[in-house]
C-alpha atoms as a PDB file:
ATOM      1  CA  MET A   1       0.054   0.100   0.041  1.00  0.00           C
ATOM      2  CA  PRO A   2       0.986   3.527  -0.678  1.00  0.00           C
ATOM      3  CA  GLY A   3       3.153   5.081   2.269  1.00  0.00           C
ATOM      4  CA  THR A   4       4.173   1.768   3.600  1.00  0.00           C
ATOM      5  CA  TYR A   5       7.443   1.291   2.012  1.00  0.00           C
ATOM      6  CA  ASP A   6      10.644   2.544   3.187  1.00  0.00           C
ATOM      7  CA  HIS A   7      11.758   4.609   0.239  1.00  0.00           C
ATOM      8  CA  PRO A   8       8.746   5.296  -2.139  1.00  0.00           C
ATOM      9  CA  GLY A   9       9.535   7.087  -5.179  1.00  0.00           C
ATOM     10  CA  GLU A  10      13.372   7.336  -4.042  1.00  0.00           C
ATOM     11  CA  GLN A  11      14.841   7.833  -7.516  1.00  0.00           C
ATOM     12  CA  GLY A  12      12.286  10.077  -8.907  1.00  0.00           C
ATOM     13  CA  ALA A  13       8.778   9.770 -10.483  1.00  0.00           C
ATOM     14  CA  ALA A  14       9.911  11.005 -13.984  1.00  0.00           C
ATOM     15  CA  ASP A  15      13.174   9.030 -13.963  1.00  0.00           C
ATOM     16  CA  ALA A  16      11.087   5.629 -13.468  1.00  0.00           C
ATOM     17  CA  ILE A  17       8.820   6.203 -16.209  1.00  0.00           C
ATOM     18  CA  ARG A  18      10.385   4.463 -19.197  1.00  0.00           C
ATOM     19  CA  LEU A  19       7.599   4.061 -21.785  1.00  0.00           C
ATOM     20  CA  LEU A  20       3.989   5.544 -21.889  1.00  0.00           C
ATOM     21  CA  ALA A  21       1.944   5.780 -24.940  1.00  0.00           C
ATOM     22  CA  VAL A  22      -1.588   5.734 -26.510  1.00  0.00           C
ATOM     23  CA  ARG A  23      -1.380   4.068 -29.879  1.00  0.00           C
ATOM     24  CA  ASP A  24      -3.253   2.803 -32.989  1.00  0.00           C
ATOM     25  CA  THR A  25      -1.033   0.105 -33.730  1.00  0.00           C
ATOM     26  CA  PRO A  26      -0.833  -3.518 -31.966  1.00  0.00           C
ATOM     27  CA  LEU A  27       0.974  -3.633 -28.475  1.00  0.00           C
ATOM     28  CA  SER A  28       3.880  -5.501 -27.590  1.00  0.00           C
ATOM     29  CA  LEU A  29       4.567  -7.458 -24.485  1.00  0.00           C
ATOM     30  CA  ASP A  30       8.165  -7.750 -24.983  1.00  0.00           C
ATOM     31  CA  GLU A  31       8.639  -4.091 -25.623  1.00  0.00           C
ATOM     32  CA  VAL A  32       6.790  -3.287 -22.367  1.00  0.00           C
ATOM     33  CA  PHE A  33       8.574  -5.960 -20.394  1.00  0.00           C
ATOM     34  CA  ALA A  34      12.093  -4.771 -21.829  1.00  0.00           C
ATOM     35  CA  ALA A  35      11.188  -1.221 -20.859  1.00  0.00           C
ATOM     36  CA  VAL A  36      11.125  -2.157 -17.034  1.00  0.00           C
ATOM     37  CA  GLY A  37      14.132  -4.151 -16.872  1.00  0.00           C
ATOM     38  CA  ASP A  38      16.207  -2.809 -13.825  1.00  0.00           C
ATOM     39  CA  PRO A  39      19.126  -4.454 -12.045  1.00  0.00           C
ATOM     40  CA  ALA A  40      17.879  -3.091  -8.809  1.00  0.00           C
ATOM     41  CA  ALA A  41      14.662  -4.657  -9.389  1.00  0.00           C
ATOM     42  CA  GLY A  42      13.674  -7.813  -7.445  1.00  0.00           C
ATOM     43  CA  GLY A  43      10.159  -8.142  -8.880  1.00  0.00           C
ATOM     44  CA  THR A  44       8.278  -7.186 -12.204  1.00  0.00           C
ATOM     45  CA  ALA A  45       4.538  -7.383 -12.246  1.00  0.00           C
ATOM     46  CA  LEU A  46       2.957  -6.988 -15.633  1.00  0.00           C
ATOM     47  CA  PHE A  47      -0.826  -6.658 -16.394  1.00  0.00           C
ATOM     48  CA  VAL A  48      -2.182  -7.442 -19.917  1.00  0.00           C
ATOM     49  CA  GLY A  49      -5.685  -6.349 -20.860  1.00  0.00           C
ATOM     50  CA  THR A  50      -7.355  -8.334 -23.668  1.00  0.00           C
ATOM     51  CA  VAL A  51     -10.802  -7.822 -25.875  1.00  0.00           C
ATOM     52  CA  ARG A  52     -12.925 -10.435 -24.385  1.00  0.00           C
ATOM     53  CA  SER A  53     -15.854 -12.210 -26.203  1.00  0.00           C
ATOM     54  CA  HIS A  54     -18.478 -11.503 -23.776  1.00  0.00           C
ATOM     55  CA  ASP A  55     -19.685  -8.668 -21.297  1.00  0.00           C
ATOM     56  CA  GLY A  56     -22.564  -8.939 -19.243  1.00  0.00           C
ATOM     57  CA  GLY A  57     -23.822 -12.058 -20.497  1.00  0.00           C
ATOM     58  CA  ALA A  58     -23.639 -10.572 -24.207  1.00  0.00           C
ATOM     59  CA  ASP A  59     -21.327 -11.861 -26.874  1.00  0.00           C
ATOM     60  CA  VAL A  60     -18.820  -8.950 -28.161  1.00  0.00           C
ATOM     61  CA  ASP A  61     -18.096  -8.936 -31.803  1.00  0.00           C
ATOM     62  CA  ALA A  62     -15.408  -6.008 -31.778  1.00  0.00           C
ATOM     63  CA  LEU A  63     -14.927  -2.790 -30.077  1.00  0.00           C
ATOM     64  CA  GLY A  64     -13.092   0.620 -30.715  1.00  0.00           C
ATOM     65  CA  TYR A  65     -11.132   2.577 -28.332  1.00  0.00           C
ATOM     66  CA  SER A  66     -11.126   6.243 -28.639  1.00  0.00           C
ATOM     67  CA  ALA A  67      -8.800   8.818 -26.643  1.00  0.00           C
ATOM     68  CA  HIS A  68      -9.151  12.536 -25.889  1.00  0.00           C
ATOM     69  CA  PRO A  69      -6.173  14.536 -27.047  1.00  0.00           C
ATOM     70  CA  SER A  70      -4.945  14.876 -23.243  1.00  0.00           C
ATOM     71  CA  ALA A  71      -4.872  11.055 -22.927  1.00  0.00           C
ATOM     72  CA  GLU A  72      -1.002  10.766 -23.078  1.00  0.00           C
ATOM     73  CA  ALA A  73      -0.698  13.891 -20.633  1.00  0.00           C
ATOM     74  CA  GLU A  74      -3.168  12.210 -18.150  1.00  0.00           C
ATOM     75  CA  LEU A  75      -1.418   9.043 -18.185  1.00  0.00           C
ATOM     76  CA  ARG A  76       1.971  10.652 -17.600  1.00  0.00           C
ATOM     77  CA  ARG A  77       0.185  12.472 -14.536  1.00  0.00           C
ATOM     78  CA  VAL A  78      -1.204   9.098 -13.197  1.00  0.00           C
ATOM     79  CA  ALA A  79       2.221   7.273 -14.023  1.00  0.00           C
ATOM     80  CA  GLU A  80       3.970  10.008 -11.740  1.00  0.00           C
ATOM     81  CA  LYS A  81       1.670   9.686  -8.972  1.00  0.00           C
ATOM     82  CA  VAL A  82       2.026   5.815  -8.682  1.00  0.00           C
ATOM     83  CA  ALA A  83       5.867   6.127  -8.926  1.00  0.00           C
ATOM     84  CA  ALA A  84       5.693   8.748  -6.182  1.00  0.00           C
ATOM     85  CA  ASP A  85       4.007   6.507  -3.918  1.00  0.00           C
ATOM     86  CA  PHE A  86       5.800   3.372  -4.418  1.00  0.00           C
ATOM     87  CA  PRO A  87       9.684   2.291  -4.786  1.00  0.00           C
ATOM     88  CA  VAL A  88       9.359   2.057  -8.470  1.00  0.00           C
ATOM     89  CA  ARG A  89      12.593   1.266 -10.295  1.00  0.00           C
ATOM     90  CA  ALA A  90      10.794   1.349 -13.736  1.00  0.00           C
ATOM     91  CA  MET A  91       7.275   1.761 -15.160  1.00  0.00           C
ATOM     92  CA  ALA A  92       5.554   1.515 -18.536  1.00  0.00           C
ATOM     93  CA  ALA A  93       2.009   1.763 -19.917  1.00  0.00           C
ATOM     94  CA  VAL A  94       0.641   1.357 -23.384  1.00  0.00           C
ATOM     95  CA  HIS A  95      -2.800   1.615 -24.563  1.00  0.00           C
ATOM     96  CA  ARG A  96      -4.233   0.949 -27.845  1.00  0.00           C
ATOM     97  CA  VAL A  97      -6.994   2.855 -29.700  1.00  0.00           C
ATOM     98  CA  GLY A  98      -8.711   2.322 -32.837  1.00  0.00           C
ATOM     99  CA  GLU A  99     -10.672  -0.749 -33.926  1.00  0.00           C
ATOM    100  CA  LEU A 100      -9.901  -4.210 -32.093  1.00  0.00           C
ATOM    101  CA  ALA A 101     -10.989  -7.863 -32.253  1.00  0.00           C
ATOM    102  CA  VAL A 102     -11.641 -10.399 -29.905  1.00  0.00           C
ATOM    103  CA  GLY A 103      -8.081 -11.471 -28.598  1.00  0.00           C
ATOM    104  CA  ASP A 104      -6.355  -8.223 -29.241  1.00  0.00           C
ATOM    105  CA  LEU A 105      -4.216  -6.505 -26.476  1.00  0.00           C
ATOM    106  CA  ALA A 106      -6.003  -3.366 -25.484  1.00  0.00           C
ATOM    107  CA  VAL A 107      -3.335  -2.150 -22.669  1.00  0.00           C
ATOM    108  CA  VAL A 108      -0.166  -3.424 -21.161  1.00  0.00           C
ATOM    109  CA  VAL A 109       1.319  -1.995 -18.074  1.00  0.00           C
ATOM    110  CA  ALA A 110       4.220  -2.823 -16.168  1.00  0.00           C
ATOM    111  CA  VAL A 111       6.123  -1.884 -12.965  1.00  0.00           C
ATOM    112  CA  SER A 112       9.637  -3.336 -11.518  1.00  0.00           C
ATOM    113  CA  CYS A 113      10.318  -2.547  -7.931  1.00  0.00           C
ATOM    114  CA  PRO A 114      12.852  -3.983  -5.323  1.00  0.00           C
ATOM    115  CA  HIS A 115      10.302  -6.681  -4.078  1.00  0.00           C
ATOM    116  CA  ARG A 116       7.298  -8.493  -5.481  1.00  0.00           C
ATOM    117  CA  ALA A 117       4.813  -6.991  -3.036  1.00  0.00           C
ATOM    118  CA  GLU A 118       5.449  -3.400  -4.062  1.00  0.00           C
ATOM    119  CA  ALA A 119       5.450  -4.470  -7.895  1.00  0.00           C
ATOM    120  CA  PHE A 120       2.054  -6.145  -7.401  1.00  0.00           C
ATOM    121  CA  ALA A 121       0.675  -3.064  -5.608  1.00  0.00           C
ATOM    122  CA  ALA A 122       2.145  -0.509  -7.924  1.00  0.00           C
ATOM    123  CA  CYS A 123       0.954  -2.172 -11.023  1.00  0.00           C
ATOM    124  CA  ARG A 124      -2.666  -2.702  -9.759  1.00  0.00           C
ATOM    125  CA  ARG A 125      -2.722   0.847  -8.862  1.00  0.00           C
ATOM    126  CA  LEU A 126      -1.254   1.898 -12.218  1.00  0.00           C
ATOM    127  CA  ILE A 127      -4.045   0.078 -14.288  1.00  0.00           C
ATOM    128  CA  ASP A 128      -6.761   1.040 -11.827  1.00  0.00           C
ATOM    129  CA  ASP A 129      -5.926   4.692 -11.943  1.00  0.00           C
ATOM    130  CA  LEU A 130      -5.291   4.503 -15.590  1.00  0.00           C
ATOM    131  CA  LYS A 131      -8.815   2.901 -15.938  1.00  0.00           C
ATOM    132  CA  HIS A 132     -10.438   5.562 -14.028  1.00  0.00           C
ATOM    133  CA  GLU A 133      -8.642   8.839 -14.831  1.00  0.00           C
ATOM    134  CA  VAL A 134      -7.156   8.546 -18.260  1.00  0.00           C
ATOM    135  CA  PRO A 135      -9.758   9.759 -20.897  1.00  0.00           C
ATOM    136  CA  ILE A 136      -9.905   6.541 -23.039  1.00  0.00           C
ATOM    137  CA  TRP A 137     -13.596   5.361 -23.896  1.00  0.00           C
ATOM    138  CA  LYS A 138     -14.744   2.004 -25.229  1.00  0.00           C
ATOM    139  CA  ASN A 139     -17.515   1.268 -27.623  1.00  0.00           C
ATOM    140  CA  GLN A 140     -18.521  -2.307 -27.418  1.00  0.00           C
ATOM    141  CA  ARG A 141     -20.382  -3.906 -30.439  1.00  0.00           C
ATOM    142  CA  PHE A 142     -22.460  -6.863 -29.611  1.00  0.00           C
ATOM    143  CA  SER A 143     -23.594 -10.030 -31.544  1.00  0.00           C
ATOM    144  CA  ASP A 144     -27.142  -8.921 -31.447  1.00  0.00           C
ATOM    145  CA  GLY A 145     -26.235  -5.538 -33.127  1.00  0.00           C
ATOM    146  CA  THR A 146     -26.754  -3.365 -30.132  1.00  0.00           C
ATOM    147  CA  GLN A 147     -23.767  -1.405 -28.729  1.00  0.00           C
ATOM    148  CA  GLU A 148     -22.495   0.616 -25.723  1.00  0.00           C
ATOM    149  CA  TRP A 149     -19.971   3.148 -24.623  1.00  0.00           C
ATOM    150  CA  VAL A 150     -17.978   2.417 -21.468  1.00  0.00           C
ATOM    151  CA  GLY A 151     -16.878   5.456 -19.550  1.00  0.00           C
ATOM    152  CA  ALA A 152     -13.051   5.031 -19.442  1.00  0.00           C
ATOM    153  CA  CYS A 153     -11.145   1.854 -20.913  1.00  0.00           C
END
């Protein structure tokens, strides 16, 4: 949890952020994992969000993500806050926009810290805050022809 570590944010939030992007091209697990490599990190946590085939009992055919022009700046703000609250050695977050199919990668975030508990906690906070605070919206299209917009990724 934030504030329970000996030296949160000790190397500086900006220095810990290695990769942040909102892209309309396919995402790479290898790119994100490589970005958070650090010899002082004993734990690395990686979260991958994929397009699932159903939501709320309805079959999903496809979806599209749209982002506000401020999305990358908001992503940076979120990442800096997480890096300041945890002993992050390195951090990366990439979100896809545009049309995606079932199984496509929608978001990949990773955090490396001195210990695994810190890495898990920081990674969870990063994806949760990204989802709630970064202006990225999802339009799901269902097999029955209906669709819905979801507030933030």
